[in-house]
Amino acid sequence: MPEGNGRGAFFLCTMGGMAGGLGRAMKAVLSRKGYRLLGRKDFIMPGNYGRKSTSEEKDRPIIARMREEADAFARAL
């Protein structure tokens, strides 16, 4: 990752249920590289652990909610 030199940055995390502390770690990395954190957002997506097949019926509302949240996040930036 190049030096940020004070430029703004944001990051997104997609997860099935838990981000595992990624937000804190990424904030530290961006800060060390000289970026200003403009925002971050964790998005819940359909899980992928132990799935043998997908269920569009179950996944559709999860994905729709993520799209709404992503739109709101982008507008807030």
PDB file of N, CA and C in Angstrom:
ATOM      1  N   MET A   1       0.847  -1.164   0.000  1.00  0.00           N
ATOM      2  CA  MET A   1       0.000   0.000   0.000  1.00  0.00           C
ATOM      3  C   MET A   1       0.897   1.232   0.000  1.00  0.00           C
ATOM      4  N   PRO A   2       0.662   2.172  -0.899  1.00  0.00           N
ATOM      5  CA  PRO A   2       1.483   3.385  -0.939  1.00  0.00           C
ATOM      6  C   PRO A   2       1.205   4.283   0.267  1.00  0.00           C
ATOM      7  N   GLU A   3       2.094   5.192   0.515  1.00  0.00           N
ATOM      8  CA  GLU A   3       1.899   6.163   1.593  1.00  0.00           C
ATOM      9  C   GLU A   3       0.666   7.010   1.297  1.00  0.00           C
ATOM     10  N   GLY A   4      -0.090   7.325   2.353  1.00  0.00           N
ATOM     11  CA  GLY A   4      -1.319   8.081   2.179  1.00  0.00           C
ATOM     12  C   GLY A   4      -1.113   9.583   2.086  1.00  0.00           C
ATOM     13  N   ASN A   5      -0.084  10.093   2.742  1.00  0.00           N
ATOM     14  CA  ASN A   5       0.202  11.529   2.723  1.00  0.00           C
ATOM     15  C   ASN A   5      -1.019  12.370   3.058  1.00  0.00           C
ATOM     16  N   GLY A   6      -1.806  11.911   4.039  1.00  0.00           N
ATOM     17  CA  GLY A   6      -2.963  12.668   4.490  1.00  0.00           C
ATOM     18  C   GLY A   6      -4.227  12.480   3.678  1.00  0.00           C
ATOM     19  N   ARG A   7      -4.167  11.665   2.632  1.00  0.00           N
ATOM     20  CA  ARG A   7      -5.376  11.433   1.828  1.00  0.00           C
ATOM     21  C   ARG A   7      -6.399  10.639   2.628  1.00  0.00           C
ATOM     22  N   GLY A   8      -7.653  10.818   2.263  1.00  0.00           N
ATOM     23  CA  GLY A   8      -8.730  10.090   2.910  1.00  0.00           C
ATOM     24  C   GLY A   8      -8.863   8.683   2.346  1.00  0.00           C
ATOM     25  N   ALA A   9      -9.338   7.775   3.184  1.00  0.00           N
ATOM     26  CA  ALA A   9      -9.567   6.396   2.759  1.00  0.00           C
ATOM     27  C   ALA A   9     -10.744   5.834   3.547  1.00  0.00           C
ATOM     28  N   PHE A  10     -11.411   4.861   2.958  1.00  0.00           N
ATOM     29  CA  PHE A  10     -12.458   4.138   3.667  1.00  0.00           C
ATOM     30  C   PHE A  10     -12.290   2.667   3.340  1.00  0.00           C
ATOM     31  N   PHE A  11     -12.905   1.813   4.146  1.00  0.00           N
ATOM     32  CA  PHE A  11     -12.849   0.395   3.827  1.00  0.00           C
ATOM     33  C   PHE A  11     -14.148  -0.285   4.209  1.00  0.00           C
ATOM     34  N   LEU A  12     -14.392  -1.377   3.538  1.00  0.00           N
ATOM     35  CA  LEU A  12     -15.593  -2.182   3.730  1.00  0.00           C
ATOM     36  C   LEU A  12     -15.179  -3.591   4.105  1.00  0.00           C
ATOM     37  N   CYS A  13     -15.999  -4.238   4.888  1.00  0.00           N
ATOM     38  CA  CYS A  13     -15.758  -5.628   5.259  1.00  0.00           C
ATOM     39  C   CYS A  13     -17.052  -6.395   5.041  1.00  0.00           C
ATOM     40  N   THR A  14     -16.985  -7.460   4.264  1.00  0.00           N
ATOM     41  CA  THR A  14     -18.147  -8.340   4.137  1.00  0.00           C
ATOM     42  C   THR A  14     -17.917  -9.532   5.044  1.00  0.00           C
ATOM     43  N   MET A  15     -18.986  -9.958   5.699  1.00  0.00           N
ATOM     44  CA  MET A  15     -18.842 -11.038   6.674  1.00  0.00           C
ATOM     45  C   MET A  15     -20.120 -11.846   6.749  1.00  0.00           C
ATOM     46  N   GLY A  16     -19.991 -13.056   7.223  1.00  0.00           N
ATOM     47  CA  GLY A  16     -21.154 -13.903   7.435  1.00  0.00           C
ATOM     48  C   GLY A  16     -21.793 -13.639   8.780  1.00  0.00           C
ATOM     49  N   GLY A  17     -21.035 -13.148   9.734  1.00  0.00           N
ATOM     50  CA  GLY A  17     -21.586 -12.888  11.051  1.00  0.00           C
ATOM     51  C   GLY A  17     -20.653 -12.120  11.961  1.00  0.00           C
ATOM     52  N   MET A  18     -19.341 -12.222  11.733  1.00  0.00           N
ATOM     53  CA  MET A  18     -18.378 -11.570  12.610  1.00  0.00           C
ATOM     54  C   MET A  18     -17.177 -11.088  11.799  1.00  0.00           C
ATOM     55  N   ALA A  19     -16.765  -9.852  12.044  1.00  0.00           N
ATOM     56  CA  ALA A  19     -15.627  -9.285  11.312  1.00  0.00           C
ATOM     57  C   ALA A  19     -14.292  -9.684  11.927  1.00  0.00           C
ATOM     58  N   GLY A  20     -14.305 -10.233  13.129  1.00  0.00           N
ATOM     59  CA  GLY A  20     -13.076 -10.718  13.744  1.00  0.00           C
ATOM     60  C   GLY A  20     -12.063  -9.646  14.097  1.00  0.00           C
ATOM     61  N   GLY A  21     -12.513  -8.442  14.413  1.00  0.00           N
ATOM     62  CA  GLY A  21     -11.599  -7.376  14.797  1.00  0.00           C
ATOM     63  C   GLY A  21     -10.879  -6.707  13.642  1.00  0.00           C
ATOM     64  N   LEU A  22     -11.326  -6.953  12.433  1.00  0.00           N
ATOM     65  CA  LEU A  22     -10.660  -6.385  11.264  1.00  0.00           C
ATOM     66  C   LEU A  22     -10.686  -4.857  11.270  1.00  0.00           C
ATOM     67  N   GLY A  23     -11.763  -4.259  11.752  1.00  0.00           N
ATOM     68  CA  GLY A  23     -11.885  -2.804  11.742  1.00  0.00           C
ATOM     69  C   GLY A  23     -10.762  -2.109  12.478  1.00  0.00           C
ATOM     70  N   ARG A  24     -10.469  -2.569  13.672  1.00  0.00           N
ATOM     71  CA  ARG A  24      -9.407  -1.965  14.478  1.00  0.00           C
ATOM     72  C   ARG A  24      -8.050  -2.135  13.794  1.00  0.00           C
ATOM     73  N   ALA A  25      -7.814  -3.321  13.256  1.00  0.00           N
ATOM     74  CA  ALA A  25      -6.532  -3.587  12.595  1.00  0.00           C
ATOM     75  C   ALA A  25      -6.361  -2.716  11.351  1.00  0.00           C
ATOM     76  N   MET A  26      -7.404  -2.608  10.538  1.00  0.00           N
ATOM     77  CA  MET A  26      -7.312  -1.797   9.320  1.00  0.00           C
ATOM     78  C   MET A  26      -7.145  -0.317   9.646  1.00  0.00           C
ATOM     79  N   LYS A  27      -7.821   0.145  10.681  1.00  0.00           N
ATOM     80  CA  LYS A  27      -7.669   1.545  11.092  1.00  0.00           C
ATOM     81  C   LYS A  27      -6.212   1.821  11.453  1.00  0.00           C
ATOM     82  N   ALA A  28      -5.577   0.898  12.167  1.00  0.00           N
ATOM     83  CA  ALA A  28      -4.173   1.066  12.549  1.00  0.00           C
ATOM     84  C   ALA A  28      -3.263   1.060  11.322  1.00  0.00           C
ATOM     85  N   VAL A  29      -3.516   0.166  10.377  1.00  0.00           N
ATOM     86  CA  VAL A  29      -2.701   0.099   9.156  1.00  0.00           C
ATOM     87  C   VAL A  29      -2.821   1.400   8.372  1.00  0.00           C
ATOM     88  N   LEU A  30      -4.045   1.865   8.180  1.00  0.00           N
ATOM     89  CA  LEU A  30      -4.249   3.103   7.420  1.00  0.00           C
ATOM     90  C   LEU A  30      -3.567   4.281   8.106  1.00  0.00           C
ATOM     91  N   SER A  31      -3.671   4.338   9.420  1.00  0.00           N
ATOM     92  CA  SER A  31      -3.037   5.424  10.168  1.00  0.00           C
ATOM     93  C   SER A  31      -1.515   5.383  10.009  1.00  0.00           C
ATOM     94  N   ARG A  32      -0.928   4.199  10.146  1.00  0.00           N
ATOM     95  CA  ARG A  32       0.533   4.070   9.992  1.00  0.00           C
ATOM     96  C   ARG A  32       0.996   4.480   8.601  1.00  0.00           C
ATOM     97  N   LYS A  33       0.165   4.238   7.601  1.00  0.00           N
ATOM     98  CA  LYS A  33       0.534   4.573   6.224  1.00  0.00           C
ATOM     99  C   LYS A  33       0.219   6.029   5.881  1.00  0.00           C
ATOM    100  N   GLY A  34      -0.367   6.777   6.830  1.00  0.00           N
ATOM    101  CA  GLY A  34      -0.602   8.197   6.607  1.00  0.00           C
ATOM    102  C   GLY A  34      -1.938   8.545   5.981  1.00  0.00           C
ATOM    103  N   TYR A  35      -2.925   7.660   6.105  1.00  0.00           N
ATOM    104  CA  TYR A  35      -4.264   7.943   5.580  1.00  0.00           C
ATOM    105  C   TYR A  35      -5.158   8.464   6.694  1.00  0.00           C
ATOM    106  N   ARG A  36      -6.137   9.278   6.316  1.00  0.00           N
ATOM    107  CA  ARG A  36      -7.192   9.717   7.231  1.00  0.00           C
ATOM    108  C   ARG A  36      -8.381   8.799   6.999  1.00  0.00           C
ATOM    109  N   LEU A  37      -8.876   8.178   8.036  1.00  0.00           N
ATOM    110  CA  LEU A  37     -10.010   7.274   7.894  1.00  0.00           C
ATOM    111  C   LEU A  37     -11.296   8.082   7.747  1.00  0.00           C
ATOM    112  N   LEU A  38     -11.931   7.960   6.601  1.00  0.00           N
ATOM    113  CA  LEU A  38     -13.182   8.661   6.331  1.00  0.00           C
ATOM    114  C   LEU A  38     -14.382   7.859   6.803  1.00  0.00           C
ATOM    115  N   GLY A  39     -14.227   6.556   6.841  1.00  0.00           N
ATOM    116  CA  GLY A  39     -15.319   5.704   7.285  1.00  0.00           C
ATOM    117  C   GLY A  39     -15.000   4.246   7.072  1.00  0.00           C
ATOM    118  N   ARG A  40     -15.773   3.425   7.764  1.00  0.00           N
ATOM    119  CA  ARG A  40     -15.661   1.981   7.591  1.00  0.00           C
ATOM    120  C   ARG A  40     -17.024   1.376   7.833  1.00  0.00           C
ATOM    121  N   LYS A  41     -17.270   0.263   7.217  1.00  0.00           N
ATOM    122  CA  LYS A  41     -18.575  -0.373   7.365  1.00  0.00           C
ATOM    123  C   LYS A  41     -18.433  -1.873   7.207  1.00  0.00           C
ATOM    124  N   ASP A  42     -19.063  -2.602   8.118  1.00  0.00           N
ATOM    125  CA  ASP A  42     -19.138  -4.053   8.031  1.00  0.00           C
ATOM    126  C   ASP A  42     -20.501  -4.415   7.443  1.00  0.00           C
ATOM    127  N   PHE A  43     -20.495  -5.256   6.448  1.00  0.00           N
ATOM    128  CA  PHE A  43     -21.731  -5.682   5.799  1.00  0.00           C
ATOM    129  C   PHE A  43     -21.944  -7.171   6.011  1.00  0.00           C
ATOM    130  N   ILE A  44     -23.095  -7.524   6.550  1.00  0.00           N
ATOM    131  CA  ILE A  44     -23.440  -8.937   6.702  1.00  0.00           C
ATOM    132  C   ILE A  44     -23.903  -9.467   5.359  1.00  0.00           C
ATOM    133  N   MET A  45     -23.296 -10.566   4.972  1.00  0.00           N
ATOM    134  CA  MET A  45     -23.616 -11.233   3.709  1.00  0.00           C
ATOM    135  C   MET A  45     -23.965 -12.685   4.009  1.00  0.00           C
ATOM    136  N   PRO A  46     -24.503 -13.392   3.033  1.00  0.00           N
ATOM    137  CA  PRO A  46     -24.781 -14.812   3.270  1.00  0.00           C
ATOM    138  C   PRO A  46     -23.497 -15.545   3.660  1.00  0.00           C
ATOM    139  N   GLY A  47     -23.601 -16.407   4.649  1.00  0.00           N
ATOM    140  CA  GLY A  47     -22.439 -17.160   5.107  1.00  0.00           C
ATOM    141  C   GLY A  47     -21.947 -18.139   4.048  1.00  0.00           C
ATOM    142  N   ASN A  48     -20.685 -18.492   4.146  1.00  0.00           N
ATOM    143  CA  ASN A  48     -20.130 -19.447   3.193  1.00  0.00           C
ATOM    144  C   ASN A  48     -19.506 -20.655   3.878  1.00  0.00           C
ATOM    145  N   TYR A  49     -19.544 -20.708   5.192  1.00  0.00           N
ATOM    146  CA  TYR A  49     -18.946 -21.833   5.910  1.00  0.00           C
ATOM    147  C   TYR A  49     -19.913 -23.009   5.957  1.00  0.00           C
ATOM    148  N   GLY A  50     -19.466 -24.135   5.500  1.00  0.00           N
ATOM    149  CA  GLY A  50     -20.253 -25.353   5.576  1.00  0.00           C
ATOM    150  C   GLY A  50     -21.452 -25.422   4.653  1.00  0.00           C
ATOM    151  N   ARG A  51     -21.528 -24.520   3.700  1.00  0.00           N
ATOM    152  CA  ARG A  51     -22.663 -24.530   2.771  1.00  0.00           C
ATOM    153  C   ARG A  51     -22.379 -25.490   1.628  1.00  0.00           C
ATOM    154  N   LYS A  52     -23.313 -26.364   1.386  1.00  0.00           N
ATOM    155  CA  LYS A  52     -23.179 -27.281   0.258  1.00  0.00           C
ATOM    156  C   LYS A  52     -23.892 -26.734  -0.969  1.00  0.00           C
ATOM    157  N   SER A  53     -24.848 -25.855  -0.736  1.00  0.00           N
ATOM    158  CA  SER A  53     -25.564 -25.221  -1.841  1.00  0.00           C
ATOM    159  C   SER A  53     -26.046 -23.854  -1.379  1.00  0.00           C
ATOM    160  N   THR A  54     -26.428 -23.039  -2.327  1.00  0.00           N
ATOM    161  CA  THR A  54     -26.936 -21.712  -1.990  1.00  0.00           C
ATOM    162  C   THR A  54     -28.454 -21.738  -1.977  1.00  0.00           C
ATOM    163  N   SER A  55     -29.015 -20.842  -1.221  1.00  0.00           N
ATOM    164  CA  SER A  55     -30.462 -20.696  -1.159  1.00  0.00           C
ATOM    165  C   SER A  55     -30.791 -19.259  -1.540  1.00  0.00           C
ATOM    166  N   GLU A  56     -31.112 -19.056  -2.809  1.00  0.00           N
ATOM    167  CA  GLU A  56     -31.413 -17.695  -3.259  1.00  0.00           C
ATOM    168  C   GLU A  56     -32.548 -17.088  -2.459  1.00  0.00           C
ATOM    169  N   GLU A  57     -33.510 -17.898  -2.083  1.00  0.00           N
ATOM    170  CA  GLU A  57     -34.653 -17.396  -1.320  1.00  0.00           C
ATOM    171  C   GLU A  57     -34.207 -16.828   0.026  1.00  0.00           C
ATOM    172  N   LYS A  58     -33.288 -17.511   0.701  1.00  0.00           N
ATOM    173  CA  LYS A  58     -32.780 -17.028   1.992  1.00  0.00           C
ATOM    174  C   LYS A  58     -31.768 -15.902   1.821  1.00  0.00           C
ATOM    175  N   ASP A  59     -30.970 -15.966   0.761  1.00  0.00           N
ATOM    176  CA  ASP A  59     -29.906 -14.982   0.552  1.00  0.00           C
ATOM    177  C   ASP A  59     -30.417 -13.639   0.038  1.00  0.00           C
ATOM    178  N   ARG A  60     -31.488 -13.659  -0.726  1.00  0.00           N
ATOM    179  CA  ARG A  60     -31.987 -12.440  -1.375  1.00  0.00           C
ATOM    180  C   ARG A  60     -32.230 -11.295  -0.384  1.00  0.00           C
ATOM    181  N   PRO A  61     -32.946 -11.513   0.738  1.00  0.00           N
ATOM    182  CA  PRO A  61     -33.162 -10.381   1.657  1.00  0.00           C
ATOM    183  C   PRO A  61     -31.879  -9.893   2.337  1.00  0.00           C
ATOM    184  N   ILE A  62     -30.942 -10.792   2.576  1.00  0.00           N
ATOM    185  CA  ILE A  62     -29.666 -10.396   3.187  1.00  0.00           C
ATOM    186  C   ILE A  62     -28.900  -9.489   2.229  1.00  0.00           C
ATOM    187  N   ILE A  63     -28.866  -9.876   0.966  1.00  0.00           N
ATOM    188  CA  ILE A  63     -28.158  -9.086  -0.042  1.00  0.00           C
ATOM    189  C   ILE A  63     -28.858  -7.753  -0.272  1.00  0.00           C
ATOM    190  N   ALA A  64     -30.186  -7.754  -0.278  1.00  0.00           N
ATOM    191  CA  ALA A  64     -30.941  -6.508  -0.470  1.00  0.00           C
ATOM    192  C   ALA A  64     -30.655  -5.532   0.669  1.00  0.00           C
ATOM    193  N   ARG A  65     -30.616  -6.050   1.902  1.00  0.00           N
ATOM    194  CA  ARG A  65     -30.325  -5.184   3.050  1.00  0.00           C
ATOM    195  C   ARG A  65     -28.907  -4.616   2.944  1.00  0.00           C
ATOM    196  N   MET A  66     -27.951  -5.441   2.520  1.00  0.00           N
ATOM    197  CA  MET A  66     -26.575  -4.967   2.354  1.00  0.00           C
ATOM    198  C   MET A  66     -26.513  -3.855   1.315  1.00  0.00           C
ATOM    199  N   ARG A  67     -27.240  -4.007   0.226  1.00  0.00           N
ATOM    200  CA  ARG A  67     -27.226  -2.968  -0.815  1.00  0.00           C
ATOM    201  C   ARG A  67     -27.774  -1.651  -0.286  1.00  0.00           C
ATOM    202  N   GLU A  68     -28.836  -1.718   0.517  1.00  0.00           N
ATOM    203  CA  GLU A  68     -29.389  -0.498   1.111  1.00  0.00           C
ATOM    204  C   GLU A  68     -28.372   0.146   2.056  1.00  0.00           C
ATOM    205  N   GLU A  69     -27.726  -0.676   2.872  1.00  0.00           N
ATOM    206  CA  GLU A  69     -26.724  -0.157   3.800  1.00  0.00           C
ATOM    207  C   GLU A  69     -25.523   0.426   3.057  1.00  0.00           C
ATOM    208  N   ALA A  70     -25.110  -0.215   1.976  1.00  0.00           N
ATOM    209  CA  ALA A  70     -23.976   0.283   1.188  1.00  0.00           C
ATOM    210  C   ALA A  70     -24.316   1.628   0.559  1.00  0.00           C
ATOM    211  N   ASP A  71     -25.532   1.762   0.068  1.00  0.00           N
ATOM    212  CA  ASP A  71     -25.958   3.025  -0.528  1.00  0.00           C
ATOM    213  C   ASP A  71     -25.952   4.135   0.525  1.00  0.00           C
ATOM    214  N   ALA A  72     -26.490   3.848   1.704  1.00  0.00           N
ATOM    215  CA  ALA A  72     -26.518   4.845   2.779  1.00  0.00           C
ATOM    216  C   ALA A  72     -25.098   5.212   3.217  1.00  0.00           C
ATOM    217  N   PHE A  73     -24.214   4.222   3.305  1.00  0.00           N
ATOM    218  CA  PHE A  73     -22.825   4.474   3.689  1.00  0.00           C
ATOM    219  C   PHE A  73     -22.145   5.379   2.669  1.00  0.00           C
ATOM    220  N   ALA A  74     -22.328   5.076   1.393  1.00  0.00           N
ATOM    221  CA  ALA A  74     -21.704   5.879   0.331  1.00  0.00           C
ATOM    222  C   ALA A  74     -22.222   7.311   0.357  1.00  0.00           C
ATOM    223  N   ARG A  75     -23.499   7.475   0.569  1.00  0.00           N
ATOM    224  CA  ARG A  75     -24.068   8.833   0.621  1.00  0.00           C
ATOM    225  C   ARG A  75     -23.540   9.610   1.824  1.00  0.00           C
ATOM    226  N   ALA A  76     -23.326   8.920   2.928  1.00  0.00           N
ATOM    227  CA  ALA A  76     -22.830   9.580   4.139  1.00  0.00           C
ATOM    228  C   ALA A  76     -21.371  10.007   4.004  1.00  0.00           C
ATOM    229  N   LEU A  77     -20.617   9.313   3.160  1.00  0.00           N
ATOM    230  CA  LEU A  77     -19.217   9.694   2.973  1.00  0.00           C
ATOM    231  C   LEU A  77     -19.142  11.057   2.315  1.00  0.00           C
TER     232      LEU A  77
END
